[in-house]
N, C-alpha and C. Protein backbone atom coordinates (compact mmCIF):
# COMPACT_ATOMS: atom_id res chain seq x y z
N UNK A 1 -10.18 -3.17 -8.87
CA UNK A 1 -9.81 -2.82 -7.75
C UNK A 1 -10.57 -1.85 -7.12
N UNK A 2 -10.84 -2.05 -6.22
CA UNK A 2 -11.65 -1.32 -5.16
C UNK A 2 -10.85 -0.27 -4.40
N UNK A 3 -10.71 1.26 -4.72
CA UNK A 3 -10.28 2.47 -4.11
C UNK A 3 -10.98 3.07 -3.14
N UNK A 4 -10.74 3.33 -2.17
CA UNK A 4 -11.47 4.60 -0.97
C UNK A 4 -10.72 5.34 -0.64
N UNK A 5 -10.63 6.50 -0.72
CA UNK A 5 -9.91 7.46 0.03
C UNK A 5 -10.61 8.63 1.06
N UNK A 6 -10.59 8.34 2.08
CA UNK A 6 -11.08 9.93 3.29
C UNK A 6 -10.35 10.61 4.10
N UNK A 7 -10.92 11.42 4.18
CA UNK A 7 -10.09 12.42 4.80
C UNK A 7 -10.79 12.96 6.75
N UNK A 8 -10.15 12.77 7.42
CA UNK A 8 -11.08 12.81 8.89
C UNK A 8 -10.42 14.55 8.87
N UNK A 9 -10.94 15.43 9.36
CA UNK A 9 -10.71 16.87 9.75
C UNK A 9 -9.74 17.20 8.91
N UNK A 10 -10.15 16.66 7.70
CA UNK A 10 -9.02 17.43 6.19
C UNK A 10 -10.23 16.98 4.96
N UNK A 11 -10.03 18.32 4.38
CA UNK A 11 -10.52 17.80 2.61
C UNK A 11 -9.41 17.23 1.94
N UNK A 12 -9.92 16.54 1.16
CA UNK A 12 -9.29 15.74 0.57
C UNK A 12 -9.13 16.68 -0.95
N UNK A 13 -8.17 17.00 -1.27
CA UNK A 13 -7.93 17.82 -2.34
C UNK A 13 -7.85 17.16 -4.05
N UNK A 14 -8.16 17.69 -5.05
CA UNK A 14 -7.84 16.97 -6.04
C UNK A 14 -6.62 16.43 -6.52
N UNK A 15 -5.36 17.50 -5.94
CA UNK A 15 -4.07 17.00 -6.09
C UNK A 15 -3.81 15.87 -5.37
N UNK A 16 -4.31 15.63 -4.02
CA UNK A 16 -3.79 14.73 -2.92
C UNK A 16 -4.71 13.31 -3.76
N UNK A 17 -5.78 13.49 -4.18
CA UNK A 17 -6.62 12.57 -4.58
C UNK A 17 -5.80 11.44 -5.72
N UNK A 18 -4.96 12.91 -6.80
CA UNK A 18 -4.46 12.28 -8.17
C UNK A 18 -3.62 11.61 -7.78
N UNK A 19 -2.60 12.08 -6.36
CA UNK A 19 -1.39 11.65 -6.22
C UNK A 19 -1.41 10.38 -5.65
N UNK A 20 -2.37 10.00 -4.77
CA UNK A 20 -2.98 8.89 -4.18
C UNK A 20 -2.97 7.82 -5.45
N UNK A 21 -3.89 8.16 -6.37
CA UNK A 21 -4.26 7.12 -7.45
C UNK A 21 -3.09 6.81 -7.95
N UNK A 22 -2.17 7.83 -8.12
CA UNK A 22 -1.04 7.57 -9.26
C UNK A 22 -0.23 6.52 -8.43
N UNK A 23 -0.14 6.68 -7.21
CA UNK A 23 0.77 5.86 -6.36
C UNK A 23 0.23 4.29 -6.63
N UNK A 24 -1.09 4.47 -6.15
CA UNK A 24 -1.93 3.25 -6.71
C UNK A 24 -1.27 2.35 -7.92
N UNK A 25 -1.41 3.13 -8.98
CA UNK A 25 -0.92 2.67 -10.24
C UNK A 25 0.37 2.10 -10.32
N UNK A 26 1.33 2.45 -9.61
CA UNK A 26 2.70 2.11 -9.14
C UNK A 26 2.81 0.43 -8.49
N UNK A 27 1.67 0.51 -7.68
CA UNK A 27 1.74 -0.62 -6.88
C UNK A 27 1.27 -1.78 -7.62
N UNK A 28 0.40 -1.65 -8.67
CA UNK A 28 0.25 -2.61 -9.68
C UNK A 28 1.24 -3.22 -10.50
N UNK A 29 2.12 -2.48 -10.78
CA UNK A 29 3.47 -2.89 -11.21
C UNK A 29 3.87 -4.18 -10.47
N UNK A 30 4.17 -3.77 -9.28
CA UNK A 30 4.24 -4.95 -8.66
C UNK A 30 3.67 -6.54 -8.27
N UNK A 31 2.37 -5.98 -8.31
CA UNK A 31 1.35 -7.02 -8.13
C UNK A 31 0.15 -6.66 -8.41
N UNK A 32 -0.68 -7.42 -9.79
CA UNK A 32 -1.75 -7.06 -9.82
C UNK A 32 -3.01 -7.60 -9.34
N UNK A 33 -2.84 -8.43 -8.05
CA UNK A 33 -3.73 -9.58 -7.30
C UNK A 33 -4.34 -8.36 -6.37
N UNK A 34 -4.00 -7.05 -6.38
CA UNK A 34 -4.77 -6.20 -5.14
C UNK A 34 -6.21 -5.94 -5.08
N UNK A 35 -6.64 -6.48 -4.15
CA UNK A 35 -7.94 -6.34 -4.21
C UNK A 35 -8.72 -5.07 -3.76
N UNK A 36 -8.33 -4.50 -2.89
CA UNK A 36 -8.64 -3.20 -2.63
C UNK A 36 -7.70 -2.28 -1.53
N UNK A 37 -7.94 -0.82 -1.76
CA UNK A 37 -6.75 -0.12 -1.17
C UNK A 37 -7.92 0.98 -0.62
N UNK A 38 -7.60 0.95 1.03
CA UNK A 38 -8.32 2.13 1.84
C UNK A 38 -7.06 3.13 1.83
N UNK A 39 -7.26 4.23 1.65
CA UNK A 39 -6.24 5.70 2.30
C UNK A 39 -7.22 6.49 3.24
N UNK A 40 -6.47 6.69 4.35
CA UNK A 40 -7.16 7.56 5.21
C UNK A 40 -6.34 8.88 5.44
N UNK A 41 -6.47 10.38 5.23
CA UNK A 41 -5.91 11.15 5.58
C UNK A 41 -6.36 11.79 6.91
N UNK A 42 -5.53 12.15 7.86
CA UNK A 42 -5.97 12.66 9.17
C UNK A 42 -5.28 13.91 9.34
N UNK A 43 -5.54 14.88 10.42
CA UNK A 43 -4.50 15.74 10.83
C UNK A 43 -4.98 15.83 12.32
N UNK A 44 -3.99 15.95 13.09
CA UNK A 44 -4.12 15.49 14.45
C UNK A 44 -3.19 16.06 15.21
N UNK A 45 -3.33 17.36 16.00
CA UNK A 45 -2.57 18.40 16.62
C UNK A 45 -1.55 18.81 15.89
N UNK A 46 -1.97 19.30 14.55
CA UNK A 46 -0.79 19.47 14.02
C UNK A 46 0.00 18.60 13.07
N UNK A 47 -0.14 17.46 13.52
CA UNK A 47 0.41 16.36 12.49
C UNK A 47 -0.44 15.71 11.27
N UNK A 48 0.20 15.36 10.14
CA UNK A 48 -0.61 14.98 9.20
C UNK A 48 -0.27 13.43 9.00
N UNK A 49 -0.88 12.58 9.04
CA UNK A 49 -1.31 11.35 9.14
C UNK A 49 -1.94 10.75 7.78
N UNK A 50 -1.29 9.81 7.45
CA UNK A 50 -1.90 9.16 6.19
C UNK A 50 -1.70 7.64 6.93
N UNK A 51 -2.67 6.78 6.50
CA UNK A 51 -2.67 5.36 6.63
C UNK A 51 -3.34 4.86 5.35
N UNK A 52 -2.90 3.43 5.39
CA UNK A 52 -3.17 2.74 3.89
C UNK A 52 -3.21 1.62 4.56
N UNK A 53 -4.72 0.66 4.00
CA UNK A 53 -4.88 -0.38 4.07
C UNK A 53 -5.15 -1.11 2.67
N UNK A 54 -4.59 -2.26 2.62
CA UNK A 54 -4.62 -2.96 1.40
C UNK A 54 -4.96 -4.29 1.39
N UNK A 55 -5.66 -4.94 0.70
CA UNK A 55 -5.98 -6.51 0.41
C UNK A 55 -5.12 -7.12 -0.37
N UNK A 56 -4.53 -7.98 -0.54
CA UNK A 56 -3.64 -8.87 -1.37
C UNK A 56 -2.93 -10.25 -1.05
N UNK A 57 -3.67 -11.07 -1.89
CA UNK A 57 -3.25 -12.33 -1.76
C UNK A 57 -3.64 -12.90 -0.43
N UNK A 58 -4.94 -12.43 0.32
CA UNK A 58 -5.09 -12.98 1.49
C UNK A 58 -4.31 -12.45 2.63
N UNK A 59 -3.76 -11.30 2.46
CA UNK A 59 -2.94 -10.54 3.21
C UNK A 59 -3.29 -9.59 3.37
N UNK A 60 -3.51 -8.74 4.66
CA UNK A 60 -3.79 -7.48 4.52
C UNK A 60 -2.66 -6.67 5.19
N UNK A 61 -2.35 -5.69 4.36
CA UNK A 61 -1.20 -4.82 4.26
C UNK A 61 -1.35 -3.41 4.97
N UNK A 62 -0.33 -2.99 5.47
CA UNK A 62 -0.89 -1.51 6.43
C UNK A 62 0.26 -0.82 6.53
N UNK A 63 0.03 0.41 5.92
CA UNK A 63 1.62 1.22 6.25
C UNK A 63 0.82 2.74 6.55
N UNK A 64 1.79 3.55 7.37
CA UNK A 64 1.05 4.48 8.04
C UNK A 64 2.56 5.57 7.82
N UNK A 65 2.27 6.79 7.91
CA UNK A 65 3.34 8.11 7.96
C UNK A 65 2.66 9.27 8.19
N UNK A 66 3.54 9.97 9.36
CA UNK A 66 3.23 10.79 9.89
C UNK A 66 4.11 11.97 9.66
N UNK A 67 3.65 13.21 9.76
CA UNK A 67 4.75 14.24 9.38
C UNK A 67 4.01 15.74 8.99
N UNK A 68 4.66 16.50 8.95
CA UNK A 68 4.02 18.05 8.71
C UNK A 68 3.77 18.63 7.24
N UNK A 69 4.24 17.50 6.07
CA UNK A 69 3.33 17.75 4.82
C UNK A 69 2.72 16.67 4.41
N UNK A 70 1.45 16.82 4.02
CA UNK A 70 0.52 15.61 3.55
C UNK A 70 1.01 14.98 2.62
N UNK A 71 1.76 15.76 1.63
CA UNK A 71 2.05 15.05 0.26
C UNK A 71 3.43 14.22 0.77
N UNK A 72 4.61 14.79 1.58
CA UNK A 72 5.37 13.71 1.22
C UNK A 72 5.02 12.32 2.58
N UNK A 73 4.04 12.60 3.63
CA UNK A 73 3.69 11.74 4.08
C UNK A 73 2.70 10.54 3.12
N UNK A 74 1.93 11.04 2.27
CA UNK A 74 1.45 10.05 1.23
C UNK A 74 2.43 9.58 0.25
N UNK A 75 3.35 9.93 0.23
CA UNK A 75 4.67 9.18 -0.63
C UNK A 75 5.15 8.66 0.28
N UNK A 76 5.57 8.60 1.37
CA UNK A 76 5.84 8.07 2.53
C UNK A 76 5.60 6.82 3.02
N UNK A 77 4.36 6.83 2.92
CA UNK A 77 3.40 5.50 3.28
C UNK A 77 3.15 4.81 2.15
N UNK A 78 3.21 5.22 0.91
CA UNK A 78 3.40 4.17 -0.15
C UNK A 78 4.55 3.38 -0.69
N UNK A 79 5.62 4.14 -0.08
CA UNK A 79 6.90 3.72 -0.30
C UNK A 79 6.94 2.48 0.64
N UNK A 80 6.20 2.45 1.82
CA UNK A 80 6.47 1.55 2.96
C UNK A 80 5.50 0.47 2.25
N UNK A 81 4.29 0.93 1.84
CA UNK A 81 3.69 -0.44 1.15
C UNK A 81 4.07 -1.12 -0.07
N UNK A 82 4.50 -0.14 -0.95
CA UNK A 82 5.54 -0.94 -1.74
C UNK A 82 6.49 -1.82 -1.33
N UNK A 83 7.06 -1.23 -0.33
CA UNK A 83 8.20 -2.56 -0.01
C UNK A 83 7.28 -3.74 0.39
N UNK A 84 6.41 -3.71 1.46
CA UNK A 84 5.59 -4.69 1.85
C UNK A 84 5.10 -5.88 0.49
N UNK A 85 4.65 -4.88 -0.38
CA UNK A 85 3.78 -6.05 -1.81
C UNK A 85 4.83 -6.61 -2.35
N UNK A 86 6.38 -5.97 -2.59
CA UNK A 86 7.15 -6.55 -3.33
C UNK A 86 7.48 -7.67 -2.60
N UNK A 87 7.67 -7.64 -1.17
CA UNK A 87 8.02 -8.79 -0.50
C UNK A 87 7.29 -9.84 -0.44
N UNK A 88 6.16 -9.56 -0.18
CA UNK A 88 4.62 -10.72 -0.29
C UNK A 88 4.77 -11.03 -2.07
N UNK A 89 5.13 -10.63 -2.61
CA UNK A 89 5.10 -11.03 -4.12
C UNK A 89 6.20 -12.08 -4.39
N UNK A 90 7.38 -11.44 -3.80
CA UNK A 90 8.86 -12.32 -3.89
C UNK A 90 8.56 -13.89 -2.84
N UNK A 91 7.87 -13.72 -1.96
CA UNK A 91 7.64 -14.70 -0.88
C UNK A 91 6.93 -15.50 -1.77
N UNK A 92 5.62 -15.17 -2.50
CA UNK A 92 4.79 -16.23 -3.23
C UNK A 92 5.21 -16.78 -4.50
N UNK A 93 6.21 -15.92 -4.91
CA UNK A 93 6.93 -16.50 -6.27
C UNK A 93 8.02 -17.24 -6.14
N UNK A 94 8.80 -17.20 -4.86
CA UNK A 94 9.78 -18.25 -4.39
C UNK A 94 9.25 -19.50 -3.83
N UNK A 95 7.91 -19.42 -3.11
CA UNK A 95 7.59 -20.70 -2.71
C UNK A 95 6.99 -21.37 -4.22
N UNK A 96 6.34 -21.02 -5.04
CA UNK A 96 5.91 -21.47 -6.21
C UNK A 96 7.12 -22.37 -6.78
N UNK A 97 8.26 -21.41 -7.16
CA UNK A 97 9.47 -21.92 -7.47
C UNK A 97 9.78 -23.28 -6.70
N UNK A 98 9.57 -23.28 -5.66
CA UNK A 98 10.34 -24.62 -4.63
C UNK A 98 9.14 -25.50 -4.74
N UNK A 99 8.06 -25.86 -5.41
CA UNK A 99 7.28 -26.71 -5.32
C UNK A 99 7.28 -27.41 -6.34
N UNK A 100 8.02 -28.57 -6.57
CA UNK A 100 8.11 -29.55 -7.73
C UNK A 100 7.40 -30.90 -7.30
N UNK A 101 6.94 -30.83 -6.19
CA UNK A 101 6.19 -32.47 -6.15
C UNK A 101 7.09 -33.36 -5.35
N UNK A 102 8.65 -33.02 -5.52
CA UNK A 102 9.54 -34.04 -5.18
C UNK A 102 9.93 -34.02 -3.21
N UNK A 103 10.52 -34.64 -2.67
CA UNK A 103 11.04 -34.65 -1.72
C UNK A 103 12.60 -33.56 -1.46
N UNK A 104 12.79 -33.28 -0.37
CA UNK A 104 14.20 -32.63 -0.53
C UNK A 104 15.20 -33.49 -1.02
N UNK A 105 16.00 -32.79 -1.39
CA UNK A 105 17.56 -33.46 -1.80
C UNK A 105 18.64 -33.41 -1.12
N UNK A 106 19.17 -33.95 -1.25
CA UNK A 106 20.29 -34.19 -0.02
C UNK A 106 21.58 -34.20 -0.96
């Protein structure tokens, strides 16, 4: 998995980097087919903004969080992304279970 972490108008500290990497490890519990994750940390007019882009199963997942504390924004954005990954994984698994090769039953 390719991981990119960038900061716009903010320096990415070691603690932020570690928190992001820990959250990415949690994502792999739900789906290990994640190809890449790009995290952008930004400060705009006093607001802390976290944007996460992830490529998983031919789908591009996007999560964003804004707030006054960067660490809370990181956790919030990853919670949103985790929900999307879980939903995508459940949808793919349920489609595979329904594929039996037979027509619809009446």
